[in-house]
Amino acid sequence: MKIEVPDELHGRISERVEETEFDSVESYVTFVLEEVVKRRPELEDSEAGRDEEREEKVRDNLRSLGYVE
């Protein structure tokens, strides 16, 4: 999968990569994104929780209409 970033941002990241152990902009961006996702696991949990709440509401509505017991 490819993700596009603005040229200016790519240039800034490229400059930063030169000062690190990363060998490419892509490896640096992958690392940064992984770190962001690791630090915010509650976002993934809350998404799952909302899906469960929605399903329960649908079940309750169907139950009240007599479609399920």
C-alpha atoms as a PDB file:
ATOM      1  CA  MET A   1       0.000   0.000   0.000  1.00  0.00           C
ATOM      2  CA  LYS A   2       1.223   3.470  -0.734  1.00  0.00           C
ATOM      3  CA  ILE A   3       0.506   6.615   1.237  1.00  0.00           C
ATOM      4  CA  GLU A   4       1.181  10.015  -0.226  1.00  0.00           C
ATOM      5  CA  VAL A   5       2.632  12.854   1.814  1.00  0.00           C
ATOM      6  CA  PRO A   6       3.066  16.441   0.706  1.00  0.00           C
ATOM      7  CA  ASP A   7       6.433  17.208  -0.912  1.00  0.00           C
ATOM      8  CA  GLU A   8       7.352  19.686   1.831  1.00  0.00           C
ATOM      9  CA  LEU A   9       6.760  17.099   4.555  1.00  0.00           C
ATOM     10  CA  HIS A  10       8.662  14.449   2.626  1.00  0.00           C
ATOM     11  CA  GLY A  11      11.602  16.842   2.381  1.00  0.00           C
ATOM     12  CA  ARG A  12      11.552  17.578   6.100  1.00  0.00           C
ATOM     13  CA  ILE A  13      11.393  13.889   6.940  1.00  0.00           C
ATOM     14  CA  SER A  14      14.203  13.162   4.490  1.00  0.00           C
ATOM     15  CA  GLU A  15      16.418  15.691   6.283  1.00  0.00           C
ATOM     16  CA  ARG A  16      15.599  14.116   9.628  1.00  0.00           C
ATOM     17  CA  VAL A  17      16.322  10.607   8.313  1.00  0.00           C
ATOM     18  CA  GLU A  18      19.872  11.667   7.471  1.00  0.00           C
ATOM     19  CA  GLU A  19      20.464  12.217  11.190  1.00  0.00           C
ATOM     20  CA  THR A  20      19.103   8.806  12.251  1.00  0.00           C
ATOM     21  CA  GLU A  21      19.742   5.117  11.788  1.00  0.00           C
ATOM     22  CA  PHE A  22      16.794   4.836   9.366  1.00  0.00           C
ATOM     23  CA  ASP A  23      17.711   4.070   5.783  1.00  0.00           C
ATOM     24  CA  SER A  24      14.675   5.633   4.100  1.00  0.00           C
ATOM     25  CA  VAL A  25      11.752   7.978   4.559  1.00  0.00           C
ATOM     26  CA  GLU A  26       9.446   4.961   4.306  1.00  0.00           C
ATOM     27  CA  SER A  27      11.098   3.102   7.191  1.00  0.00           C
ATOM     28  CA  TYR A  28      11.026   6.252   9.335  1.00  0.00           C
ATOM     29  CA  VAL A  29       7.341   6.938   8.619  1.00  0.00           C
ATOM     30  CA  THR A  30       6.456   3.295   9.325  1.00  0.00           C
ATOM     31  CA  PHE A  31       8.247   3.502  12.682  1.00  0.00           C
ATOM     32  CA  VAL A  32       6.488   6.742  13.617  1.00  0.00           C
ATOM     33  CA  LEU A  33       3.065   5.382  12.714  1.00  0.00           C
ATOM     34  CA  GLU A  34       3.673   2.189  14.690  1.00  0.00           C
ATOM     35  CA  GLU A  35       4.650   4.275  17.725  1.00  0.00           C
ATOM     36  CA  VAL A  36       1.515   6.398  17.461  1.00  0.00           C
ATOM     37  CA  VAL A  37      -0.703   3.323  17.251  1.00  0.00           C
ATOM     38  CA  LYS A  38       1.068   1.694  20.220  1.00  0.00           C
ATOM     39  CA  ARG A  39       0.534   4.775  22.375  1.00  0.00           C
ATOM     40  CA  ARG A  40      -3.186   5.017  21.652  1.00  0.00           C
ATOM     41  CA  PRO A  41      -4.543   1.461  22.029  1.00  0.00           C
ATOM     42  CA  GLU A  42      -7.673   2.830  23.689  1.00  0.00           C
ATOM     43  CA  LEU A  43      -8.787   4.118  20.299  1.00  0.00           C
ATOM     44  CA  GLU A  44      -8.932   0.584  18.952  1.00  0.00           C
ATOM     45  CA  ASP A  45     -10.724  -0.652  22.082  1.00  0.00           C
ATOM     46  CA  SER A  46     -13.284   2.143  21.977  1.00  0.00           C
ATOM     47  CA  GLU A  47     -14.055   1.396  18.319  1.00  0.00           C
ATOM     48  CA  ALA A  48     -14.789  -2.233  19.200  1.00  0.00           C
ATOM     49  CA  GLY A  49     -16.900  -1.128  22.149  1.00  0.00           C
ATOM     50  CA  ARG A  50     -19.006   1.124  19.945  1.00  0.00           C
ATOM     51  CA  ASP A  51     -19.620  -1.711  17.501  1.00  0.00           C
ATOM     52  CA  GLU A  52     -20.818  -3.930  20.344  1.00  0.00           C
ATOM     53  CA  GLU A  53     -23.104  -1.172  21.623  1.00  0.00           C
ATOM     54  CA  ARG A  54     -24.592  -0.703  18.161  1.00  0.00           C
ATOM     55  CA  GLU A  55     -25.210  -4.438  17.796  1.00  0.00           C
ATOM     56  CA  GLU A  56     -26.913  -4.572  21.185  1.00  0.00           C
ATOM     57  CA  LYS A  57     -29.171  -1.648  20.255  1.00  0.00           C
ATOM     58  CA  VAL A  58     -30.129  -3.380  17.015  1.00  0.00           C
ATOM     59  CA  ARG A  59     -30.905  -6.590  18.924  1.00  0.00           C
ATOM     60  CA  ASP A  60     -33.015  -4.635  21.437  1.00  0.00           C
ATOM     61  CA  ASN A  61     -34.940  -2.949  18.623  1.00  0.00           C
ATOM     62  CA  LEU A  62     -35.554  -6.252  16.849  1.00  0.00           C
ATOM     63  CA  ARG A  63     -36.623  -7.829  20.140  1.00  0.00           C
ATOM     64  CA  SER A  64     -39.083  -4.976  20.844  1.00  0.00           C
ATOM     65  CA  LEU A  65     -40.557  -5.420  17.363  1.00  0.00           C
ATOM     66  CA  GLY A  66     -40.971  -9.149  17.924  1.00  0.00           C
ATOM     67  CA  TYR A  67     -38.446 -10.303  15.355  1.00  0.00           C
ATOM     68  CA  VAL A  68     -36.194 -12.046  17.890  1.00  0.00           C
ATOM     69  CA  GLU A  69     -36.735 -13.487  21.342  1.00  0.00           C
END
